[in-house]
Amino acid sequence: RCSRKIDDLLELKPFIFMAKGKLELHDFAWLCPKSEKCCEWECCEQEKNYGLKCFFFLFILIVVIIMCWFVRYTAGIVIVDDPPPPYSHK
């Protein structure tokens, strides 16, 4: 259930709203569908939770950065199983 004070909207201040029983109204109230929430004077879509998506995006980004760093760091390293024989000058 959403509700707002009529006095909150300056355009409505000069007017008096009356109910059927001659009671003066001070609030407007309305219902929003379950998929929506109250926003100012209307209903709007609820915000989606992007927390899990952001976590996975950051995780993948960090893994890619680590892999790039590892490739760059190990690019100049050559692993040789059998070193060449020592150079002998004759």
PDB file of N, CA and C in Angstrom:
ATOM      1  N   ARG A   1       0.847  -1.178   0.000  1.00  0.00           N
ATOM      2  CA  ARG A   1       0.000   0.000   0.000  1.00  0.00           C
ATOM      3  C   ARG A   1       0.885   1.232   0.000  1.00  0.00           C
ATOM      4  N   CYS A   2       0.600   2.130  -0.899  1.00  0.00           N
ATOM      5  CA  CYS A   2       1.338   3.388  -1.002  1.00  0.00           C
ATOM      6  C   CYS A   2       0.437   4.524  -0.533  1.00  0.00           C
ATOM      7  N   SER A   3       1.039   5.509   0.070  1.00  0.00           N
ATOM      8  CA  SER A   3       0.257   6.691   0.453  1.00  0.00           C
ATOM      9  C   SER A   3       1.174   7.904   0.509  1.00  0.00           C
ATOM     10  N   ARG A   4       0.596   9.054   0.226  1.00  0.00           N
ATOM     11  CA  ARG A   4       1.319  10.324   0.276  1.00  0.00           C
ATOM     12  C   ARG A   4       0.386  11.388   0.813  1.00  0.00           C
ATOM     13  N   LYS A   5       0.961  12.340   1.499  1.00  0.00           N
ATOM     14  CA  LYS A   5       0.177  13.474   1.994  1.00  0.00           C
ATOM     15  C   LYS A   5      -0.132  14.403   0.819  1.00  0.00           C
ATOM     16  N   ILE A   6      -1.348  14.864   0.779  1.00  0.00           N
ATOM     17  CA  ILE A   6      -1.771  15.767  -0.296  1.00  0.00           C
ATOM     18  C   ILE A   6      -0.956  17.057  -0.248  1.00  0.00           C
ATOM     19  N   ASP A   7      -0.610  17.503   0.954  1.00  0.00           N
ATOM     20  CA  ASP A   7       0.159  18.743   1.103  1.00  0.00           C
ATOM     21  C   ASP A   7       1.575  18.637   0.527  1.00  0.00           C
ATOM     22  N   ASP A   8       2.063  17.412   0.301  1.00  0.00           N
ATOM     23  CA  ASP A   8       3.405  17.241  -0.260  1.00  0.00           C
ATOM     24  C   ASP A   8       3.491  17.724  -1.705  1.00  0.00           C
ATOM     25  N   LEU A   9       2.379  17.747  -2.389  1.00  0.00           N
ATOM     26  CA  LEU A   9       2.363  18.191  -3.779  1.00  0.00           C
ATOM     27  C   LEU A   9       1.835  19.625  -3.825  1.00  0.00           C
ATOM     28  N   LEU A  10       2.708  20.562  -4.110  1.00  0.00           N
ATOM     29  CA  LEU A  10       2.353  21.985  -4.047  1.00  0.00           C
ATOM     30  C   LEU A  10       1.187  22.346  -4.958  1.00  0.00           C
ATOM     31  N   GLU A  11       1.072  21.660  -6.099  1.00  0.00           N
ATOM     32  CA  GLU A  11      -0.008  21.969  -7.037  1.00  0.00           C
ATOM     33  C   GLU A  11      -1.385  21.661  -6.449  1.00  0.00           C
ATOM     34  N   LEU A  12      -1.451  20.774  -5.458  1.00  0.00           N
ATOM     35  CA  LEU A  12      -2.743  20.396  -4.873  1.00  0.00           C
ATOM     36  C   LEU A  12      -3.069  21.163  -3.593  1.00  0.00           C
ATOM     37  N   LYS A  13      -2.144  21.956  -3.075  1.00  0.00           N
ATOM     38  CA  LYS A  13      -2.379  22.672  -1.812  1.00  0.00           C
ATOM     39  C   LYS A  13      -3.618  23.570  -1.838  1.00  0.00           C
ATOM     40  N   PRO A  14      -3.900  24.275  -2.928  1.00  0.00           N
ATOM     41  CA  PRO A  14      -5.067  25.169  -2.914  1.00  0.00           C
ATOM     42  C   PRO A  14      -6.404  24.423  -2.893  1.00  0.00           C
ATOM     43  N   PHE A  15      -6.407  23.124  -3.169  1.00  0.00           N
ATOM     44  CA  PHE A  15      -7.652  22.369  -3.266  1.00  0.00           C
ATOM     45  C   PHE A  15      -7.948  21.628  -1.967  1.00  0.00           C
ATOM     46  N   ILE A  16      -9.226  21.402  -1.746  1.00  0.00           N
ATOM     47  CA  ILE A  16      -9.671  20.598  -0.605  1.00  0.00           C
ATOM     48  C   ILE A  16     -10.338  19.357  -1.176  1.00  0.00           C
ATOM     49  N   PHE A  17      -9.899  18.202  -0.749  1.00  0.00           N
ATOM     50  CA  PHE A  17     -10.458  16.930  -1.200  1.00  0.00           C
ATOM     51  C   PHE A  17     -11.365  16.391  -0.113  1.00  0.00           C
ATOM     52  N   MET A  18     -12.602  16.057  -0.518  1.00  0.00           N
ATOM     53  CA  MET A  18     -13.603  15.592   0.443  1.00  0.00           C
ATOM     54  C   MET A  18     -14.036  14.173   0.093  1.00  0.00           C
ATOM     55  N   ALA A  19     -14.273  13.356   1.128  1.00  0.00           N
ATOM     56  CA  ALA A  19     -14.824  12.015   0.947  1.00  0.00           C
ATOM     57  C   ALA A  19     -16.339  12.125   0.909  1.00  0.00           C
ATOM     58  N   LYS A  20     -17.008  10.999   0.639  1.00  0.00           N
ATOM     59  CA  LYS A  20     -18.473  11.012   0.523  1.00  0.00           C
ATOM     60  C   LYS A  20     -19.154  11.509   1.793  1.00  0.00           C
ATOM     61  N   GLY A  21     -18.583  11.200   2.938  1.00  0.00           N
ATOM     62  CA  GLY A  21     -19.209  11.598   4.200  1.00  0.00           C
ATOM     63  C   GLY A  21     -18.822  12.992   4.641  1.00  0.00           C
ATOM     64  N   LYS A  22     -18.390  13.823   3.720  1.00  0.00           N
ATOM     65  CA  LYS A  22     -17.982  15.204   3.987  1.00  0.00           C
ATOM     66  C   LYS A  22     -16.739  15.282   4.875  1.00  0.00           C
ATOM     67  N   LEU A  23     -15.932  14.220   4.853  1.00  0.00           N
ATOM     68  CA  LEU A  23     -14.676  14.240   5.600  1.00  0.00           C
ATOM     69  C   LEU A  23     -13.564  14.752   4.690  1.00  0.00           C
ATOM     70  N   GLU A  24     -12.740  15.615   5.232  1.00  0.00           N
ATOM     71  CA  GLU A  24     -11.630  16.142   4.447  1.00  0.00           C
ATOM     72  C   GLU A  24     -10.513  15.095   4.373  1.00  0.00           C
ATOM     73  N   LEU A  25      -9.996  14.898   3.169  1.00  0.00           N
ATOM     74  CA  LEU A  25      -8.923  13.930   2.962  1.00  0.00           C
ATOM     75  C   LEU A  25      -7.565  14.624   3.061  1.00  0.00           C
ATOM     76  N   HIS A  26      -6.639  13.960   3.730  1.00  0.00           N
ATOM     77  CA  HIS A  26      -5.291  14.512   3.875  1.00  0.00           C
ATOM     78  C   HIS A  26      -4.244  13.661   3.163  1.00  0.00           C
ATOM     79  N   ASP A  27      -4.625  12.430   2.808  1.00  0.00           N
ATOM     80  CA  ASP A  27      -3.695  11.506   2.152  1.00  0.00           C
ATOM     81  C   ASP A  27      -4.352  10.873   0.933  1.00  0.00           C
ATOM     82  N   PHE A  28      -3.521  10.560  -0.047  1.00  0.00           N
ATOM     83  CA  PHE A  28      -3.936   9.699  -1.148  1.00  0.00           C
ATOM     84  C   PHE A  28      -3.297   8.337  -0.890  1.00  0.00           C
ATOM     85  N   ALA A  29      -4.035   7.272  -1.172  1.00  0.00           N
ATOM     86  CA  ALA A  29      -3.501   5.916  -1.007  1.00  0.00           C
ATOM     87  C   ALA A  29      -3.820   5.103  -2.252  1.00  0.00           C
ATOM     88  N   TRP A  30      -2.903   4.225  -2.624  1.00  0.00           N
ATOM     89  CA  TRP A  30      -3.106   3.358  -3.788  1.00  0.00           C
ATOM     90  C   TRP A  30      -2.307   2.077  -3.588  1.00  0.00           C
ATOM     91  N   LEU A  31      -2.652   1.091  -4.386  1.00  0.00           N
ATOM     92  CA  LEU A  31      -1.968  -0.202  -4.329  1.00  0.00           C
ATOM     93  C   LEU A  31      -1.143  -0.402  -5.592  1.00  0.00           C
ATOM     94  N   CYS A  32       0.026  -0.975  -5.419  1.00  0.00           N
ATOM     95  CA  CYS A  32       0.886  -1.323  -6.557  1.00  0.00           C
ATOM     96  C   CYS A  32       0.868  -2.835  -6.736  1.00  0.00           C
ATOM     97  N   PRO A  33       1.058  -3.316  -7.958  1.00  0.00           N
ATOM     98  CA  PRO A  33       1.184  -4.763  -8.168  1.00  0.00           C
ATOM     99  C   PRO A  33       2.378  -5.312  -7.377  1.00  0.00           C
ATOM    100  N   LYS A  34       2.370  -6.614  -7.122  1.00  0.00           N
ATOM    101  CA  LYS A  34       3.445  -7.221  -6.330  1.00  0.00           C
ATOM    102  C   LYS A  34       4.816  -7.034  -6.963  1.00  0.00           C
ATOM    103  N   SER A  35       4.864  -6.937  -8.278  1.00  0.00           N
ATOM    104  CA  SER A  35       6.151  -6.800  -8.962  1.00  0.00           C
ATOM    105  C   SER A  35       6.670  -5.359  -8.954  1.00  0.00           C
ATOM    106  N   GLU A  36       5.899  -4.429  -8.391  1.00  0.00           N
ATOM    107  CA  GLU A  36       6.305  -3.029  -8.372  1.00  0.00           C
ATOM    108  C   GLU A  36       6.340  -2.513  -6.943  1.00  0.00           C
ATOM    109  N   LYS A  37       6.920  -1.317  -6.769  1.00  0.00           N
ATOM    110  CA  LYS A  37       6.995  -0.696  -5.450  1.00  0.00           C
ATOM    111  C   LYS A  37       6.551   0.763  -5.552  1.00  0.00           C
ATOM    112  N   CYS A  38       6.393   1.407  -4.419  1.00  0.00           N
ATOM    113  CA  CYS A  38       5.969   2.807  -4.379  1.00  0.00           C
ATOM    114  C   CYS A  38       7.143   3.721  -4.721  1.00  0.00           C
ATOM    115  N   CYS A  39       6.908   4.645  -5.639  1.00  0.00           N
ATOM    116  CA  CYS A  39       7.913   5.641  -6.017  1.00  0.00           C
ATOM    117  C   CYS A  39       7.210   6.991  -6.103  1.00  0.00           C
ATOM    118  N   GLU A  40       7.509   7.845  -5.138  1.00  0.00           N
ATOM    119  CA  GLU A  40       6.869   9.165  -5.098  1.00  0.00           C
ATOM    120  C   GLU A  40       5.344   9.035  -5.199  1.00  0.00           C
ATOM    121  N   TRP A  41       4.778   9.450  -6.332  1.00  0.00           N
ATOM    122  CA  TRP A  41       3.325   9.438  -6.503  1.00  0.00           C
ATOM    123  C   TRP A  41       2.854   8.341  -7.450  1.00  0.00           C
ATOM    124  N   GLU A  42       3.676   7.356  -7.723  1.00  0.00           N
ATOM    125  CA  GLU A  42       3.298   6.304  -8.662  1.00  0.00           C
ATOM    126  C   GLU A  42       3.971   4.987  -8.291  1.00  0.00           C
ATOM    127  N   CYS A  43       3.680   3.968  -9.062  1.00  0.00           N
ATOM    128  CA  CYS A  43       4.309   2.657  -8.888  1.00  0.00           C
ATOM    129  C   CYS A  43       5.432   2.526  -9.914  1.00  0.00           C
ATOM    130  N   CYS A  44       6.510   1.861  -9.528  1.00  0.00           N
ATOM    131  CA  CYS A  44       7.606   1.638 -10.469  1.00  0.00           C
ATOM    132  C   CYS A  44       8.195   0.252 -10.237  1.00  0.00           C
ATOM    133  N   GLU A  45       8.951  -0.218 -11.235  1.00  0.00           N
ATOM    134  CA  GLU A  45       9.541  -1.551 -11.144  1.00  0.00           C
ATOM    135  C   GLU A  45      10.573  -1.598 -10.030  1.00  0.00           C
ATOM    136  N   GLN A  46      10.638  -2.740  -9.353  1.00  0.00           N
ATOM    137  CA  GLN A  46      11.632  -2.910  -8.309  1.00  0.00           C
ATOM    138  C   GLN A  46      13.005  -3.068  -8.935  1.00  0.00           C
ATOM    139  N   GLU A  47      14.018  -2.590  -8.230  1.00  0.00           N
ATOM    140  CA  GLU A  47      15.383  -2.711  -8.724  1.00  0.00           C
ATOM    141  C   GLU A  47      15.809  -4.168  -8.669  1.00  0.00           C
ATOM    142  N   LYS A  48      16.541  -4.557  -9.682  1.00  0.00           N
ATOM    143  CA  LYS A  48      17.034  -5.927  -9.728  1.00  0.00           C
ATOM    144  C   LYS A  48      18.332  -6.016  -8.930  1.00  0.00           C
ATOM    145  N   ASN A  49      18.571  -7.185  -8.363  1.00  0.00           N
ATOM    146  CA  ASN A  49      19.774  -7.393  -7.572  1.00  0.00           C
ATOM    147  C   ASN A  49      20.915  -7.814  -8.494  1.00  0.00           C
ATOM    148  N   TYR A  50      21.861  -6.917  -8.691  1.00  0.00           N
ATOM    149  CA  TYR A  50      22.986  -7.192  -9.570  1.00  0.00           C
ATOM    150  C   TYR A  50      24.225  -7.646  -8.802  1.00  0.00           C
ATOM    151  N   GLY A  51      24.119  -7.886  -7.517  1.00  0.00           N
ATOM    152  CA  GLY A  51      25.265  -8.248  -6.691  1.00  0.00           C
ATOM    153  C   GLY A  51      25.983  -9.488  -7.170  1.00  0.00           C
ATOM    154  N   LEU A  52      25.252 -10.554  -7.449  1.00  0.00           N
ATOM    155  CA  LEU A  52      25.865 -11.810  -7.873  1.00  0.00           C
ATOM    156  C   LEU A  52      26.509 -11.665  -9.251  1.00  0.00           C
ATOM    157  N   LYS A  53      25.861 -10.955 -10.154  1.00  0.00           N
ATOM    158  CA  LYS A  53      26.423 -10.742 -11.489  1.00  0.00           C
ATOM    159  C   LYS A  53      27.723  -9.946 -11.401  1.00  0.00           C
ATOM    160  N   CYS A  54      27.748  -8.916 -10.559  1.00  0.00           N
ATOM    161  CA  CYS A  54      28.963  -8.112 -10.390  1.00  0.00           C
ATOM    162  C   CYS A  54      30.087  -8.954  -9.804  1.00  0.00           C
ATOM    163  N   PHE A  55      29.764  -9.817  -8.837  1.00  0.00           N
ATOM    164  CA  PHE A  55      30.773 -10.683  -8.230  1.00  0.00           C
ATOM    165  C   PHE A  55      31.419 -11.576  -9.286  1.00  0.00           C
ATOM    166  N   PHE A  56      30.611 -12.242 -10.110  1.00  0.00           N
ATOM    167  CA  PHE A  56      31.152 -13.124 -11.142  1.00  0.00           C
ATOM    168  C   PHE A  56      31.960 -12.344 -12.177  1.00  0.00           C
ATOM    169  N   PHE A  57      31.491 -11.168 -12.555  1.00  0.00           N
ATOM    170  CA  PHE A  57      32.231 -10.339 -13.509  1.00  0.00           C
ATOM    171  C   PHE A  57      33.601  -9.975 -12.946  1.00  0.00           C
ATOM    172  N   LEU A  58      33.647  -9.530 -11.689  1.00  0.00           N
ATOM    173  CA  LEU A  58      34.920  -9.171 -11.070  1.00  0.00           C
ATOM    174  C   LEU A  58      35.831 -10.390 -10.930  1.00  0.00           C
ATOM    175  N   PHE A  59      35.259 -11.532 -10.580  1.00  0.00           N
ATOM    176  CA  PHE A  59      36.041 -12.761 -10.446  1.00  0.00           C
ATOM    177  C   PHE A  59      36.704 -13.122 -11.774  1.00  0.00           C
ATOM    178  N   ILE A  60      35.925 -13.100 -12.846  1.00  0.00           N
ATOM    179  CA  ILE A  60      36.464 -13.425 -14.176  1.00  0.00           C
ATOM    180  C   ILE A  60      37.518 -12.397 -14.588  1.00  0.00           C
ATOM    181  N   LEU A  61      37.268 -11.133 -14.308  1.00  0.00           N
ATOM    182  CA  LEU A  61      38.228 -10.081 -14.644  1.00  0.00           C
ATOM    183  C   LEU A  61      39.544 -10.296 -13.904  1.00  0.00           C
ATOM    184  N   ILE A  62      39.489 -10.629 -12.632  1.00  0.00           N
ATOM    185  CA  ILE A  62      40.702 -10.870 -11.843  1.00  0.00           C
ATOM    186  C   ILE A  62      41.454 -12.083 -12.378  1.00  0.00           C
ATOM    187  N   VAL A  63      40.735 -13.149 -12.720  1.00  0.00           N
ATOM    188  CA  VAL A  63      41.381 -14.345 -13.278  1.00  0.00           C
ATOM    189  C   VAL A  63      42.084 -14.002 -14.593  1.00  0.00           C
ATOM    190  N   VAL A  64      41.449 -13.231 -15.453  1.00  0.00           N
ATOM    191  CA  VAL A  64      42.062 -12.846 -16.733  1.00  0.00           C
ATOM    192  C   VAL A  64      43.309 -11.998 -16.492  1.00  0.00           C
ATOM    193  N   ILE A  65      43.245 -11.069 -15.552  1.00  0.00           N
ATOM    194  CA  ILE A  65      44.405 -10.220 -15.248  1.00  0.00           C
ATOM    195  C   ILE A  65      45.562 -11.073 -14.726  1.00  0.00           C
ATOM    196  N   ILE A  66      45.270 -12.014 -13.841  1.00  0.00           N
ATOM    197  CA  ILE A  66      46.313 -12.901 -13.314  1.00  0.00           C
ATOM    198  C   ILE A  66      46.915 -13.742 -14.436  1.00  0.00           C
ATOM    199  N   MET A  67      46.082 -14.253 -15.322  1.00  0.00           N
ATOM    200  CA  MET A  67      46.590 -15.059 -16.441  1.00  0.00           C
ATOM    201  C   MET A  67      47.479 -14.219 -17.360  1.00  0.00           C
ATOM    202  N   CYS A  68      47.072 -13.000 -17.656  1.00  0.00           N
ATOM    203  CA  CYS A  68      47.883 -12.119 -18.505  1.00  0.00           C
ATOM    204  C   CYS A  68      49.225 -11.822 -17.831  1.00  0.00           C
ATOM    205  N   TRP A  69      49.202 -11.532 -16.541  1.00  0.00           N
ATOM    206  CA  TRP A  69      50.428 -11.266 -15.807  1.00  0.00           C
ATOM    207  C   TRP A  69      51.334 -12.496 -15.826  1.00  0.00           C
ATOM    208  N   PHE A  70      50.770 -13.683 -15.627  1.00  0.00           N
ATOM    209  CA  PHE A  70      51.538 -14.924 -15.611  1.00  0.00           C
ATOM    210  C   PHE A  70      52.180 -15.180 -16.971  1.00  0.00           C
ATOM    211  N   VAL A  71      51.425 -14.993 -18.044  1.00  0.00           N
ATOM    212  CA  VAL A  71      51.959 -15.202 -19.396  1.00  0.00           C
ATOM    213  C   VAL A  71      53.083 -14.210 -19.673  1.00  0.00           C
ATOM    214  N   ARG A  72      52.894 -12.976 -19.286  1.00  0.00           N
ATOM    215  CA  ARG A  72      53.919 -11.954 -19.524  1.00  0.00           C
ATOM    216  C   ARG A  72      55.168 -12.240 -18.693  1.00  0.00           C
ATOM    217  N   TYR A  73      54.989 -12.652 -17.466  1.00  0.00           N
ATOM    218  CA  TYR A  73      56.111 -12.924 -16.566  1.00  0.00           C
ATOM    219  C   TYR A  73      56.903 -14.141 -17.022  1.00  0.00           C
ATOM    220  N   THR A  74      56.212 -15.166 -17.493  1.00  0.00           N
ATOM    221  CA  THR A  74      56.893 -16.406 -17.881  1.00  0.00           C
ATOM    222  C   THR A  74      57.305 -16.416 -19.351  1.00  0.00           C
ATOM    223  N   ALA A  75      57.025 -15.382 -20.109  1.00  0.00           N
ATOM    224  CA  ALA A  75      57.350 -15.368 -21.542  1.00  0.00           C
ATOM    225  C   ALA A  75      58.853 -15.395 -21.782  1.00  0.00           C
ATOM    226  N   GLY A  76      59.647 -14.786 -20.911  1.00  0.00           N
ATOM    227  CA  GLY A  76      61.091 -14.745 -21.103  1.00  0.00           C
ATOM    228  C   GLY A  76      61.811 -15.931 -20.482  1.00  0.00           C
ATOM    229  N   ILE A  77      61.112 -16.792 -19.799  1.00  0.00           N
ATOM    230  CA  ILE A  77      61.727 -17.937 -19.134  1.00  0.00           C
ATOM    231  C   ILE A  77      61.639 -19.142 -20.058  1.00  0.00           C
ATOM    232  N   VAL A  78      62.780 -19.737 -20.346  1.00  0.00           N
ATOM    233  CA  VAL A  78      62.822 -20.928 -21.189  1.00  0.00           C
ATOM    234  C   VAL A  78      63.282 -22.085 -20.316  1.00  0.00           C
ATOM    235  N   ILE A  79      62.503 -23.126 -20.273  1.00  0.00           N
ATOM    236  CA  ILE A  79      62.848 -24.296 -19.478  1.00  0.00           C
ATOM    237  C   ILE A  79      63.531 -25.296 -20.400  1.00  0.00           C
ATOM    238  N   VAL A  80      64.761 -25.673 -20.051  1.00  0.00           N
ATOM    239  CA  VAL A  80      65.547 -26.596 -20.864  1.00  0.00           C
ATOM    240  C   VAL A  80      65.794 -27.846 -20.031  1.00  0.00           C
ATOM    241  N   ASP A  81      65.462 -28.996 -20.601  1.00  0.00           N
ATOM    242  CA  ASP A  81      65.674 -30.248 -19.876  1.00  0.00           C
ATOM    243  C   ASP A  81      67.160 -30.593 -19.790  1.00  0.00           C
ATOM    244  N   ASP A  82      67.871 -30.527 -20.910  1.00  0.00           N
ATOM    245  CA  ASP A  82      69.299 -30.841 -20.944  1.00  0.00           C
ATOM    246  C   ASP A  82      70.058 -29.592 -21.368  1.00  0.00           C
ATOM    247  N   PRO A  83      70.830 -29.021 -20.469  1.00  0.00           N
ATOM    248  CA  PRO A  83      71.575 -27.823 -20.861  1.00  0.00           C
ATOM    249  C   PRO A  83      72.634 -28.187 -21.901  1.00  0.00           C
ATOM    250  N   PRO A  84      72.983 -27.239 -22.751  1.00  0.00           N
ATOM    251  CA  PRO A  84      74.004 -27.517 -23.771  1.00  0.00           C
ATOM    252  C   PRO A  84      75.365 -27.756 -23.106  1.00  0.00           C
ATOM    253  N   PRO A  85      76.240 -28.474 -23.793  1.00  0.00           N
ATOM    254  CA  PRO A  85      77.568 -28.699 -23.206  1.00  0.00           C
ATOM    255  C   PRO A  85      78.326 -27.381 -23.088  1.00  0.00           C
ATOM    256  N   PRO A  86      79.215 -27.297 -22.127  1.00  0.00           N
ATOM    257  CA  PRO A  86      79.966 -26.043 -21.970  1.00  0.00           C
ATOM    258  C   PRO A  86      80.800 -25.738 -23.215  1.00  0.00           C
ATOM    259  N   TYR A  87      80.933 -24.474 -23.504  1.00  0.00           N
ATOM    260  CA  TYR A  87      81.681 -24.029 -24.683  1.00  0.00           C
ATOM    261  C   TYR A  87      83.173 -24.208 -24.419  1.00  0.00           C
ATOM    262  N   SER A  88      83.811 -24.851 -25.328  1.00  0.00           N
ATOM    263  CA  SER A  88      85.263 -25.015 -25.180  1.00  0.00           C
ATOM    264  C   SER A  88      85.949 -24.376 -26.386  1.00  0.00           C
ATOM    265  N   HIS A  89      86.904 -23.541 -26.132  1.00  0.00           N
ATOM    266  CA  HIS A  89      87.609 -22.827 -27.188  1.00  0.00           C
ATOM    267  C   HIS A  89      88.859 -23.609 -27.566  1.00  0.00           C
ATOM    268  N   LYS A  90      88.991 -24.024 -28.808  1.00  0.00           N
ATOM    269  CA  LYS A  90      90.165 -24.786 -29.257  1.00  0.00           C
ATOM    270  C   LYS A  90      90.996 -23.993 -30.194  1.00  0.00           C
TER     271      LYS A  90
END
